[in-house]
Every structure is written in structure tokens, then in C-alpha cells.
mmCIF file of all heavy atoms, coordinates in Angstrom:
data_MODEL
# 
_entry.id   MODEL 
# 
loop_
_atom_site.group_PDB 
_atom_site.id 
_atom_site.type_symbol 
_atom_site.label_atom_id 
_atom_site.label_alt_id 
_atom_site.label_comp_id 
_atom_site.label_asym_id 
_atom_site.label_entity_id 
_atom_site.label_seq_id 
_atom_site.pdbx_PDB_ins_code 
_atom_site.Cartn_x 
_atom_site.Cartn_y 
_atom_site.Cartn_z 
_atom_site.occupancy 
_atom_site.B_iso_or_equiv 
_atom_site.pdbx_formal_charge 
_atom_site.auth_seq_id 
_atom_site.auth_comp_id 
_atom_site.auth_asym_id 
_atom_site.auth_atom_id 
_atom_site.pdbx_PDB_model_num 
ATOM 1   N N   . ASN A 1 1  ? 116.804 99.752  100.462 1.00 0.00 ? 1  ASN A N   1 
ATOM 2   C CA  . ASN A 1 1  ? 117.739 100.502 99.667  1.00 0.00 ? 1  ASN A CA  1 
ATOM 3   C C   . ASN A 1 1  ? 117.104 101.434 98.691  1.00 0.00 ? 1  ASN A C   1 
ATOM 4   O O   . ASN A 1 1  ? 117.170 101.032 97.369  1.00 0.00 ? 1  ASN A O   1 
ATOM 5   C CB  . ASN A 1 1  ? 118.779 99.558  99.119  1.00 0.00 ? 1  ASN A CB  1 
ATOM 6   C CG  . ASN A 1 1  ? 119.962 100.385 98.610  1.00 0.00 ? 1  ASN A CG  1 
ATOM 7   O OD1 . ASN A 1 1  ? 120.193 101.533 98.935  1.00 0.00 ? 1  ASN A OD1 1 
ATOM 8   N ND2 . ASN A 1 1  ? 120.656 99.681  97.508  1.00 0.00 ? 1  ASN A ND2 1 
ATOM 9   N N   . VAL A 1 2  ? 116.502 102.437 99.072  1.00 0.00 ? 2  VAL A N   1 
ATOM 10  C CA  . VAL A 1 2  ? 115.699 103.332 98.064  1.00 0.00 ? 2  VAL A CA  1 
ATOM 11  C C   . VAL A 1 2  ? 116.240 104.794 98.405  1.00 0.00 ? 2  VAL A C   1 
ATOM 12  O O   . VAL A 1 2  ? 116.384 105.120 99.531  1.00 0.00 ? 2  VAL A O   1 
ATOM 13  C CB  . VAL A 1 2  ? 114.176 103.250 98.245  1.00 0.00 ? 2  VAL A CB  1 
ATOM 14  C CG1 . VAL A 1 2  ? 113.547 104.251 97.371  1.00 0.00 ? 2  VAL A CG1 1 
ATOM 15  C CG2 . VAL A 1 2  ? 113.790 101.835 97.915  1.00 0.00 ? 2  VAL A CG2 1 
ATOM 16  N N   . GLY A 1 3  ? 116.351 105.669 97.314  1.00 0.00 ? 3  GLY A N   1 
ATOM 17  C CA  . GLY A 1 3  ? 116.811 106.966 97.556  1.00 0.00 ? 3  GLY A CA  1 
ATOM 18  C C   . GLY A 1 3  ? 115.605 107.849 98.057  1.00 0.00 ? 3  GLY A C   1 
ATOM 19  O O   . GLY A 1 3  ? 115.384 107.935 99.183  1.00 0.00 ? 3  GLY A O   1 
ATOM 20  N N   . VAL A 1 4  ? 114.852 108.372 97.066  1.00 0.00 ? 4  VAL A N   1 
ATOM 21  C CA  . VAL A 1 4  ? 113.789 109.318 97.432  1.00 0.00 ? 4  VAL A CA  1 
ATOM 22  C C   . VAL A 1 4  ? 112.422 108.632 96.993  1.00 0.00 ? 4  VAL A C   1 
ATOM 23  O O   . VAL A 1 4  ? 112.408 108.121 95.856  1.00 0.00 ? 4  VAL A O   1 
ATOM 24  C CB  . VAL A 1 4  ? 113.811 110.616 96.749  1.00 0.00 ? 4  VAL A CB  1 
ATOM 25  C CG1 . VAL A 1 4  ? 112.545 111.445 96.818  1.00 0.00 ? 4  VAL A CG1 1 
ATOM 26  C CG2 . VAL A 1 4  ? 115.013 111.391 97.192  1.00 0.00 ? 4  VAL A CG2 1 
ATOM 27  N N   . HIS A 1 5  ? 111.457 108.564 97.858  1.00 0.00 ? 5  HIS A N   1 
ATOM 28  C CA  . HIS A 1 5  ? 110.134 108.012 97.572  1.00 0.00 ? 5  HIS A CA  1 
ATOM 29  C C   . HIS A 1 5  ? 109.293 109.286 97.090  1.00 0.00 ? 5  HIS A C   1 
ATOM 30  O O   . HIS A 1 5  ? 109.221 110.318 97.719  1.00 0.00 ? 5  HIS A O   1 
ATOM 31  C CB  . HIS A 1 5  ? 109.453 107.468 98.818  1.00 0.00 ? 5  HIS A CB  1 
ATOM 32  C CG  . HIS A 1 5  ? 110.056 106.156 99.330  1.00 0.00 ? 5  HIS A CG  1 
ATOM 33  N ND1 . HIS A 1 5  ? 109.737 104.986 98.760  1.00 0.00 ? 5  HIS A ND1 1 
ATOM 34  C CD2 . HIS A 1 5  ? 111.013 105.869 100.223 1.00 0.00 ? 5  HIS A CD2 1 
ATOM 35  C CE1 . HIS A 1 5  ? 110.381 103.996 99.319  1.00 0.00 ? 5  HIS A CE1 1 
ATOM 36  N NE2 . HIS A 1 5  ? 111.135 104.421 100.228 1.00 0.00 ? 5  HIS A NE2 1 
ATOM 37  N N   . ASN A 1 6  ? 108.754 109.104 95.898  1.00 0.00 ? 6  ASN A N   1 
ATOM 38  C CA  . ASN A 1 6  ? 107.793 110.100 95.418  1.00 0.00 ? 6  ASN A CA  1 
ATOM 39  C C   . ASN A 1 6  ? 106.399 109.679 95.784  1.00 0.00 ? 6  ASN A C   1 
ATOM 40  O O   . ASN A 1 6  ? 105.878 108.709 95.276  1.00 0.00 ? 6  ASN A O   1 
ATOM 41  C CB  . ASN A 1 6  ? 107.900 110.278 93.889  1.00 0.00 ? 6  ASN A CB  1 
ATOM 42  C CG  . ASN A 1 6  ? 107.057 111.298 93.277  1.00 0.00 ? 6  ASN A CG  1 
ATOM 43  O OD1 . ASN A 1 6  ? 106.135 111.914 94.069  1.00 0.00 ? 6  ASN A OD1 1 
ATOM 44  N ND2 . ASN A 1 6  ? 107.152 111.610 92.049  1.00 0.00 ? 6  ASN A ND2 1 
ATOM 45  N N   . GLY A 1 7  ? 105.879 110.308 96.819  1.00 0.00 ? 7  GLY A N   1 
ATOM 46  C CA  . GLY A 1 7  ? 104.615 109.960 97.411  1.00 0.00 ? 7  GLY A CA  1 
ATOM 47  C C   . GLY A 1 7  ? 103.467 109.920 96.371  1.00 0.00 ? 7  GLY A C   1 
ATOM 48  O O   . GLY A 1 7  ? 102.537 109.099 96.482  1.00 0.00 ? 7  GLY A O   1 
ATOM 49  N N   . PHE A 1 8  ? 103.528 110.800 95.345  1.00 0.00 ? 8  PHE A N   1 
ATOM 50  C CA  . PHE A 1 8  ? 102.418 110.909 94.446  1.00 0.00 ? 8  PHE A CA  1 
ATOM 51  C C   . PHE A 1 8  ? 102.396 109.803 93.396  1.00 0.00 ? 8  PHE A C   1 
ATOM 52  O O   . PHE A 1 8  ? 101.535 109.692 92.565  1.00 0.00 ? 8  PHE A O   1 
ATOM 53  C CB  . PHE A 1 8  ? 102.440 112.275 93.780  1.00 0.00 ? 8  PHE A CB  1 
ATOM 54  C CG  . PHE A 1 8  ? 102.188 113.366 94.764  1.00 0.00 ? 8  PHE A CG  1 
ATOM 55  C CD1 . PHE A 1 8  ? 103.277 114.171 95.207  1.00 0.00 ? 8  PHE A CD1 1 
ATOM 56  C CD2 . PHE A 1 8  ? 100.926 113.658 95.215  1.00 0.00 ? 8  PHE A CD2 1 
ATOM 57  C CE1 . PHE A 1 8  ? 102.998 115.155 96.178  1.00 0.00 ? 8  PHE A CE1 1 
ATOM 58  C CE2 . PHE A 1 8  ? 100.731 114.702 96.179  1.00 0.00 ? 8  PHE A CE2 1 
ATOM 59  C CZ  . PHE A 1 8  ? 101.724 115.459 96.666  1.00 0.00 ? 8  PHE A CZ  1 
ATOM 60  N N   . ASN A 1 9  ? 103.408 108.966 93.452  1.00 0.00 ? 9  ASN A N   1 
ATOM 61  C CA  . ASN A 1 9  ? 103.388 107.641 92.692  1.00 0.00 ? 9  ASN A CA  1 
ATOM 62  C C   . ASN A 1 9  ? 102.864 106.542 93.493  1.00 0.00 ? 9  ASN A C   1 
ATOM 63  O O   . ASN A 1 9  ? 102.794 105.478 93.002  1.00 0.00 ? 9  ASN A O   1 
ATOM 64  C CB  . ASN A 1 9  ? 104.910 107.383 92.257  1.00 0.00 ? 9  ASN A CB  1 
ATOM 65  C CG  . ASN A 1 9  ? 105.286 108.393 91.129  1.00 0.00 ? 9  ASN A CG  1 
ATOM 66  O OD1 . ASN A 1 9  ? 104.549 109.057 90.495  1.00 0.00 ? 9  ASN A OD1 1 
ATOM 67  N ND2 . ASN A 1 9  ? 106.714 108.426 91.015  1.00 0.00 ? 9  ASN A ND2 1 
ATOM 68  N N   . TYR A 1 10 ? 102.586 106.743 94.831  1.00 0.00 ? 10 TYR A N   1 
ATOM 69  C CA  . TYR A 1 10 ? 102.075 105.748 95.641  1.00 0.00 ? 10 TYR A CA  1 
ATOM 70  C C   . TYR A 1 10 ? 102.987 104.521 95.748  1.00 0.00 ? 10 TYR A C   1 
ATOM 71  O O   . TYR A 1 10 ? 102.568 103.389 95.818  1.00 0.00 ? 10 TYR A O   1 
ATOM 72  C CB  . TYR A 1 10 ? 100.656 105.394 95.285  1.00 0.00 ? 10 TYR A CB  1 
ATOM 73  C CG  . TYR A 1 10 ? 99.796  106.519 95.103  1.00 0.00 ? 10 TYR A CG  1 
ATOM 74  C CD1 . TYR A 1 10 ? 99.177  106.734 93.920  1.00 0.00 ? 10 TYR A CD1 1 
ATOM 75  C CD2 . TYR A 1 10 ? 99.604  107.534 96.137  1.00 0.00 ? 10 TYR A CD2 1 
ATOM 76  C CE1 . TYR A 1 10 ? 98.315  107.928 93.746  1.00 0.00 ? 10 TYR A CE1 1 
ATOM 77  C CE2 . TYR A 1 10 ? 98.710  108.641 95.916  1.00 0.00 ? 10 TYR A CE2 1 
ATOM 78  C CZ  . TYR A 1 10 ? 98.186  108.794 94.697  1.00 0.00 ? 10 TYR A CZ  1 
ATOM 79  O OH  . TYR A 1 10 ? 97.381  109.895 94.533  1.00 0.00 ? 10 TYR A OH  1 
ATOM 80  N N   . ALA A 1 11 ? 104.301 104.776 95.589  1.00 0.00 ? 11 ALA A N   1 
ATOM 81  C CA  . ALA A 1 11 ? 105.260 103.727 95.671  1.00 0.00 ? 11 ALA A CA  1 
ATOM 82  C C   . ALA A 1 11 ? 105.417 102.985 97.023  1.00 0.00 ? 11 ALA A C   1 
ATOM 83  O O   . ALA A 1 11 ? 105.085 103.635 97.991  1.00 0.00 ? 11 ALA A O   1 
ATOM 84  C CB  . ALA A 1 11 ? 106.690 104.270 95.211  1.00 0.00 ? 11 ALA A CB  1 
ATOM 85  N N   . PRO A 1 12 ? 105.904 101.885 97.069  1.00 0.00 ? 12 PRO A N   1 
ATOM 86  C CA  . PRO A 1 12 ? 105.998 101.086 98.292  1.00 0.00 ? 12 PRO A CA  1 
ATOM 87  C C   . PRO A 1 12 ? 107.097 101.774 99.156  1.00 0.00 ? 12 PRO A C   1 
ATOM 88  O O   . PRO A 1 12 ? 108.246 102.127 98.722  1.00 0.00 ? 12 PRO A O   1 
ATOM 89  C CB  . PRO A 1 12 ? 106.310 99.695  97.848  1.00 0.00 ? 12 PRO A CB  1 
ATOM 90  C CG  . PRO A 1 12 ? 106.903 99.756  96.436  1.00 0.00 ? 12 PRO A CG  1 
ATOM 91  C CD  . PRO A 1 12 ? 106.179 100.944 95.978  1.00 0.00 ? 12 PRO A CD  1 
ATOM 92  N N   . CYS A 1 13 ? 106.840 101.788 100.468 1.00 0.00 ? 13 CYS A N   1 
ATOM 93  C CA  . CYS A 1 13 ? 107.838 102.276 101.498 1.00 0.00 ? 13 CYS A CA  1 
ATOM 94  C C   . CYS A 1 13 ? 107.899 101.236 102.597 1.00 0.00 ? 13 CYS A C   1 
ATOM 95  O O   . CYS A 1 13 ? 107.084 100.316 102.572 1.00 0.00 ? 13 CYS A O   1 
ATOM 96  C CB  . CYS A 1 13 ? 107.522 103.670 102.047 1.00 0.00 ? 13 CYS A CB  1 
ATOM 97  S SG  . CYS A 1 13 ? 105.962 103.697 102.854 1.00 0.00 ? 13 CYS A SG  1 
ATOM 98  N N   . ALA A 1 14 ? 108.883 101.427 103.446 1.00 0.00 ? 14 ALA A N   1 
ATOM 99  C CA  . ALA A 1 14 ? 109.059 100.456 104.546 1.00 0.00 ? 14 ALA A CA  1 
ATOM 100 C C   . ALA A 1 14 ? 108.308 100.780 105.804 1.00 0.00 ? 14 ALA A C   1 
ATOM 101 O O   . ALA A 1 14 ? 108.423 101.898 106.236 1.00 0.00 ? 14 ALA A O   1 
ATOM 102 C CB  . ALA A 1 14 ? 110.530 100.226 104.842 1.00 0.00 ? 14 ALA A CB  1 
ATOM 103 N N   . ILE A 1 15 ? 107.535 99.944  106.373 1.00 0.00 ? 15 ILE A N   1 
ATOM 104 C CA  . ILE A 1 15 ? 106.906 100.190 107.657 1.00 0.00 ? 15 ILE A CA  1 
ATOM 105 C C   . ILE A 1 15 ? 107.130 99.093  108.633 1.00 0.00 ? 15 ILE A C   1 
ATOM 106 O O   . ILE A 1 15 ? 107.406 97.942  108.182 1.00 0.00 ? 15 ILE A O   1 
ATOM 107 C CB  . ILE A 1 15 ? 105.408 100.372 107.409 1.00 0.00 ? 15 ILE A CB  1 
ATOM 108 C CG1 . ILE A 1 15 ? 104.654 99.004  106.925 1.00 0.00 ? 15 ILE A CG1 1 
ATOM 109 C CG2 . ILE A 1 15 ? 104.998 101.506 106.480 1.00 0.00 ? 15 ILE A CG2 1 
ATOM 110 C CD1 . ILE A 1 15 ? 103.138 99.146  107.004 1.00 0.00 ? 15 ILE A CD1 1 
ATOM 111 N N   . LEU A 1 16 ? 106.982 99.431  109.855 1.00 0.00 ? 16 LEU A N   1 
ATOM 112 C CA  . LEU A 1 16 ? 107.104 98.416  111.003 1.00 0.00 ? 16 LEU A CA  1 
ATOM 113 C C   . LEU A 1 16 ? 105.735 98.087  111.499 1.00 0.00 ? 16 LEU A C   1 
ATOM 114 O O   . LEU A 1 16 ? 104.915 98.977  111.765 1.00 0.00 ? 16 LEU A O   1 
ATOM 115 C CB  . LEU A 1 16 ? 108.029 98.805  112.051 1.00 0.00 ? 16 LEU A CB  1 
ATOM 116 C CG  . LEU A 1 16 ? 109.476 98.785  111.867 1.00 0.00 ? 16 LEU A CG  1 
ATOM 117 C CD1 . LEU A 1 16 ? 109.946 99.548  110.726 1.00 0.00 ? 16 LEU A CD1 1 
ATOM 118 C CD2 . LEU A 1 16 ? 110.227 99.395  113.191 1.00 0.00 ? 16 LEU A CD2 1 
ATOM 119 N N   . VAL A 1 17 ? 105.426 96.790  111.490 1.00 0.00 ? 17 VAL A N   1 
ATOM 120 C CA  . VAL A 1 17 ? 104.133 96.368  112.001 1.00 0.00 ? 17 VAL A CA  1 
ATOM 121 C C   . VAL A 1 17 ? 104.298 95.358  113.181 1.00 0.00 ? 17 VAL A C   1 
ATOM 122 O O   . VAL A 1 17 ? 105.351 94.571  113.129 1.00 0.00 ? 17 VAL A O   1 
ATOM 123 C CB  . VAL A 1 17 ? 103.210 95.750  110.957 1.00 0.00 ? 17 VAL A CB  1 
ATOM 124 C CG1 . VAL A 1 17 ? 102.882 96.796  109.938 1.00 0.00 ? 17 VAL A CG1 1 
ATOM 125 C CG2 . VAL A 1 17 ? 103.786 94.571  110.311 1.00 0.00 ? 17 VAL A CG2 1 
ATOM 126 N N   . PRO A 1 18 ? 103.440 95.179  114.141 1.00 0.00 ? 18 PRO A N   1 
ATOM 127 C CA  . PRO A 1 18 ? 103.650 94.126  115.135 1.00 0.00 ? 18 PRO A CA  1 
ATOM 128 C C   . PRO A 1 18 ? 103.513 92.756  114.639 1.00 0.00 ? 18 PRO A C   1 
ATOM 129 O O   . PRO A 1 18 ? 102.749 92.564  113.682 1.00 0.00 ? 18 PRO A O   1 
ATOM 130 C CB  . PRO A 1 18 ? 102.497 94.430  116.150 1.00 0.00 ? 18 PRO A CB  1 
ATOM 131 C CG  . PRO A 1 18 ? 102.042 95.868  115.819 1.00 0.00 ? 18 PRO A CG  1 
ATOM 132 C CD  . PRO A 1 18 ? 102.291 96.052  114.305 1.00 0.00 ? 18 PRO A CD  1 
ATOM 133 N N   . SER A 1 19 ? 104.353 91.912  115.149 1.00 0.00 ? 19 SER A N   1 
ATOM 134 C CA  . SER A 1 19 ? 104.242 90.442  114.787 1.00 0.00 ? 19 SER A CA  1 
ATOM 135 C C   . SER A 1 19 ? 102.995 89.898  115.220 1.00 0.00 ? 19 SER A C   1 
ATOM 136 O O   . SER A 1 19 ? 102.235 90.485  116.072 1.00 0.00 ? 19 SER A O   1 
ATOM 137 C CB  . SER A 1 19 ? 105.410 89.681  115.323 1.00 0.00 ? 19 SER A CB  1 
ATOM 138 O OG  . SER A 1 19 ? 105.485 89.841  116.700 1.00 0.00 ? 19 SER A OG  1 
ATOM 139 N N   . GLU A 1 20 ? 102.569 88.743  114.807 1.00 0.00 ? 20 GLU A N   1 
ATOM 140 C CA  . GLU A 1 20 ? 101.316 88.103  115.147 1.00 0.00 ? 20 GLU A CA  1 
ATOM 141 C C   . GLU A 1 20 ? 101.176 87.887  116.604 1.00 0.00 ? 20 GLU A C   1 
ATOM 142 O O   . GLU A 1 20 ? 100.076 87.994  117.260 1.00 0.00 ? 20 GLU A O   1 
ATOM 143 C CB  . GLU A 1 20 ? 101.091 86.817  114.405 1.00 0.00 ? 20 GLU A CB  1 
ATOM 144 C CG  . GLU A 1 20 ? 100.857 87.069  112.831 1.00 0.00 ? 20 GLU A CG  1 
ATOM 145 C CD  . GLU A 1 20 ? 100.391 85.737  112.180 1.00 0.00 ? 20 GLU A CD  1 
ATOM 146 O OE1 . GLU A 1 20 ? 100.181 84.776  112.955 1.00 0.00 ? 20 GLU A OE1 1 
ATOM 147 O OE2 . GLU A 1 20 ? 100.285 85.703  110.939 1.00 0.00 ? 20 GLU A OE2 1 
ATOM 148 N N   . ASP A 1 21 ? 102.299 87.513  117.262 1.00 0.00 ? 21 ASP A N   1 
ATOM 149 C CA  . ASP A 1 21 ? 102.132 87.283  118.726 1.00 0.00 ? 21 ASP A CA  1 
ATOM 150 C C   . ASP A 1 21 ? 102.284 88.534  119.537 1.00 0.00 ? 21 ASP A C   1 
ATOM 151 O O   . ASP A 1 21 ? 102.188 88.500  120.846 1.00 0.00 ? 21 ASP A O   1 
ATOM 152 C CB  . ASP A 1 21 ? 103.266 86.273  119.163 1.00 0.00 ? 21 ASP A CB  1 
ATOM 153 C CG  . ASP A 1 21 ? 104.746 86.786  118.902 1.00 0.00 ? 21 ASP A CG  1 
ATOM 154 O OD1 . ASP A 1 21 ? 104.925 87.980  118.608 1.00 0.00 ? 21 ASP A OD1 1 
ATOM 155 O OD2 . ASP A 1 21 ? 105.693 85.958  118.962 1.00 0.00 ? 21 ASP A OD2 1 
ATOM 156 N N   . GLY A 1 22 ? 102.568 89.678  118.939 1.00 0.00 ? 22 GLY A N   1 
ATOM 157 C CA  . GLY A 1 22 ? 102.564 90.930  119.635 1.00 0.00 ? 22 GLY A CA  1 
ATOM 158 C C   . GLY A 1 22 ? 103.811 91.245  120.479 1.00 0.00 ? 22 GLY A C   1 
ATOM 159 O O   . GLY A 1 22 ? 103.966 92.196  121.125 1.00 0.00 ? 22 GLY A O   1 
ATOM 160 N N   . LYS A 1 23 ? 104.851 90.308  120.246 1.00 0.00 ? 23 LYS A N   1 
ATOM 161 C CA  . LYS A 1 23 ? 106.054 90.469  121.114 1.00 0.00 ? 23 LYS A CA  1 
ATOM 162 C C   . LYS A 1 23 ? 107.232 91.028  120.276 1.00 0.00 ? 23 LYS A C   1 
ATOM 163 O O   . LYS A 1 23 ? 108.225 91.362  120.886 1.00 0.00 ? 23 LYS A O   1 
ATOM 164 C CB  . LYS A 1 23 ? 106.446 89.086  121.659 1.00 0.00 ? 23 LYS A CB  1 
ATOM 165 C CG  . LYS A 1 23 ? 105.351 88.464  122.575 1.00 0.00 ? 23 LYS A CG  1 
ATOM 166 C CD  . LYS A 1 23 ? 105.882 87.175  123.086 1.00 0.00 ? 23 LYS A CD  1 
ATOM 167 C CE  . LYS A 1 23 ? 104.824 86.629  124.051 1.00 0.00 ? 23 LYS A CE  1 
ATOM 168 N NZ  . LYS A 1 23 ? 105.207 85.232  124.592 1.00 0.00 ? 23 LYS A NZ  1 
ATOM 169 N N   . ASP A 1 24 ? 107.073 91.177  118.991 1.00 0.00 ? 24 ASP A N   1 
ATOM 170 C CA  . ASP A 1 24 ? 108.196 91.691  118.175 1.00 0.00 ? 24 ASP A CA  1 
ATOM 171 C C   . ASP A 1 24 ? 107.518 92.535  116.924 1.00 0.00 ? 24 ASP A C   1 
ATOM 172 O O   . ASP A 1 24 ? 106.255 92.680  116.977 1.00 0.00 ? 24 ASP A O   1 
ATOM 173 C CB  . ASP A 1 24 ? 109.049 90.476  117.632 1.00 0.00 ? 24 ASP A CB  1 
ATOM 174 C CG  . ASP A 1 24 ? 110.386 90.969  117.119 1.00 0.00 ? 24 ASP A CG  1 
ATOM 175 O OD1 . ASP A 1 24 ? 110.708 92.195  117.255 1.00 0.00 ? 24 ASP A OD1 1 
ATOM 176 O OD2 . ASP A 1 24 ? 111.102 90.103  116.687 1.00 0.00 ? 24 ASP A OD2 1 
ATOM 177 N N   . PHE A 1 25 ? 108.270 92.895  116.016 1.00 0.00 ? 25 PHE A N   1 
ATOM 178 C CA  . PHE A 1 25 ? 107.792 93.628  114.975 1.00 0.00 ? 25 PHE A CA  1 
ATOM 179 C C   . PHE A 1 25 ? 108.369 93.059  113.625 1.00 0.00 ? 25 PHE A C   1 
ATOM 180 O O   . PHE A 1 25 ? 109.470 92.490  113.607 1.00 0.00 ? 25 PHE A O   1 
ATOM 181 C CB  . PHE A 1 25 ? 108.028 95.026  114.994 1.00 0.00 ? 25 PHE A CB  1 
ATOM 182 C CG  . PHE A 1 25 ? 109.507 95.544  115.007 1.00 0.00 ? 25 PHE A CG  1 
ATOM 183 C CD1 . PHE A 1 25 ? 110.115 95.786  113.925 1.00 0.00 ? 25 PHE A CD1 1 
ATOM 184 C CD2 . PHE A 1 25 ? 110.156 95.514  116.222 1.00 0.00 ? 25 PHE A CD2 1 
ATOM 185 C CE1 . PHE A 1 25 ? 111.434 96.106  113.914 1.00 0.00 ? 25 PHE A CE1 1 
ATOM 186 C CE2 . PHE A 1 25 ? 111.517 95.895  116.269 1.00 0.00 ? 25 PHE A CE2 1 
ATOM 187 C CZ  . PHE A 1 25 ? 112.159 96.189  115.075 1.00 0.00 ? 25 PHE A CZ  1 
ATOM 188 N N   . ASP A 1 26 ? 107.697 93.309  112.493 1.00 0.00 ? 26 ASP A N   1 
ATOM 189 C CA  . ASP A 1 26 ? 108.230 92.863  111.248 1.00 0.00 ? 26 ASP A CA  1 
ATOM 190 C C   . ASP A 1 26 ? 108.408 94.137  110.370 1.00 0.00 ? 26 ASP A C   1 
ATOM 191 O O   . ASP A 1 26 ? 107.620 95.060  110.468 1.00 0.00 ? 26 ASP A O   1 
ATOM 192 C CB  . ASP A 1 26 ? 107.257 91.930  110.519 1.00 0.00 ? 26 ASP A CB  1 
ATOM 193 C CG  . ASP A 1 26 ? 107.122 90.612  111.391 1.00 0.00 ? 26 ASP A CG  1 
ATOM 194 O OD1 . ASP A 1 26 ? 108.081 90.076  111.740 1.00 0.00 ? 26 ASP A OD1 1 
ATOM 195 O OD2 . ASP A 1 26 ? 105.974 90.097  111.423 1.00 0.00 ? 26 ASP A OD2 1 
ATOM 196 N N   . ILE A 1 27 ? 109.362 94.119  109.423 1.00 0.00 ? 27 ILE A N   1 
ATOM 197 C CA  . ILE A 1 27 ? 109.403 95.265  108.424 1.00 0.00 ? 27 ILE A CA  1 
ATOM 198 C C   . ILE A 1 27 ? 108.886 94.819  107.126 1.00 0.00 ? 27 ILE A C   1 
ATOM 199 O O   . ILE A 1 27 ? 109.282 93.673  106.595 1.00 0.00 ? 27 ILE A O   1 
ATOM 200 C CB  . ILE A 1 27 ? 110.948 95.527  108.333 1.00 0.00 ? 27 ILE A CB  1 
ATOM 201 C CG1 . ILE A 1 27 ? 111.508 95.956  109.591 1.00 0.00 ? 27 ILE A CG1 1 
ATOM 202 C CG2 . ILE A 1 27 ? 110.975 96.694  107.230 1.00 0.00 ? 27 ILE A CG2 1 
ATOM 203 C CD1 . ILE A 1 27 ? 113.054 96.314  109.533 1.00 0.00 ? 27 ILE A CD1 1 
ATOM 204 N N   . VAL A 1 28 ? 107.841 95.393  106.683 1.00 0.00 ? 28 VAL A N   1 
ATOM 205 C CA  . VAL A 1 28 ? 107.175 95.100  105.428 1.00 0.00 ? 28 VAL A CA  1 
ATOM 206 C C   . VAL A 1 28 ? 107.084 96.318  104.562 1.00 0.00 ? 28 VAL A C   1 
ATOM 207 O O   . VAL A 1 28 ? 107.317 97.367  104.888 1.00 0.00 ? 28 VAL A O   1 
ATOM 208 C CB  . VAL A 1 28 ? 105.747 94.444  105.748 1.00 0.00 ? 28 VAL A CB  1 
ATOM 209 C CG1 . VAL A 1 28 ? 105.887 93.269  106.692 1.00 0.00 ? 28 VAL A CG1 1 
ATOM 210 C CG2 . VAL A 1 28 ? 104.981 95.472  106.402 1.00 0.00 ? 28 VAL A CG2 1 
# 
């Protein structure tokens, strides 16, 4: 729940990465 990310602040954003078993993904 974030409005605008200012990239030049290097703020955290949401990414999807594969889960450890490679069968699903996590949002981190």
C-alpha cells in the first residue's frame, strides 16, 4: 500500500521471487 516510489531514495518496493522449492513465488 504505497503511492509513488521515488527511485532516487532507493526506497523498498515489492518484488516477486521464486520460492525455495521453485514451485511457487513469494512477495518480498
